[in-house]
Each structure stands twice: as C-alpha cells, then as structure tokens.
Amino acid sequence: MGKNILDSGVKRVRNVSRFNAGFGSIGELPEVIDQQRTANKGQAIFLVDHYFRDREAVLSRFQSRPGDLIEFIDTTDEPKTSGIDSLL
C-alpha cells in the first residue's frame, strides 16, 4: 500500500486549544479574537511571524484595538514554547 499523503511523521503534538488555518483565516480572526476578549479584560496579544512586519495590508486585517499588543516573532528557527511563554 502507498504512503498516506497525510502522514507527516508527526505523532505527538502539544498545541493550543484553538487555531484557524487556511484560505480566509485572517479575515475570520477579528471574530475569533472578539469571542475571547471578554475573558481577557478586552485585550489581545498577537504573536505574528516577523515576515509580516512590513505588510500593513495583512496587519490591518487583525483589527487590533488600543491596549492590544502585537509582537513580531523571529521564525528563522522554529520558536520554542518556552520562548513564547517568556513573552507573556
């Protein structure tokens, strides 16, 4: 039998409880963030790949609000959970 194209070799994944991926995901981000704002005193922290630092057309779609924080993360090497946790 041929190799399953969905078998990436990754067997164990520790992930966030929610994520959104695929076409149109950034456009849905404000709705997802708004659902979480009440639990976090109305503030949001956006951790964004440094690739997007100068891409205002993408960043404006986040619809960040006063008090929100946008942190650009260098992803040249895959960030570790401990590195992300240290930002928060």
Foldseek 3Di string as FASTA:
>chain_A
DDDDPPPPVDDDDDDDPDDDDDPCRLLCQCVVVVVCCVVVVNEEEAEAALVCVPVVVSVVSNVHDPVYHYHHDHVPPPDDPVVVVVVD
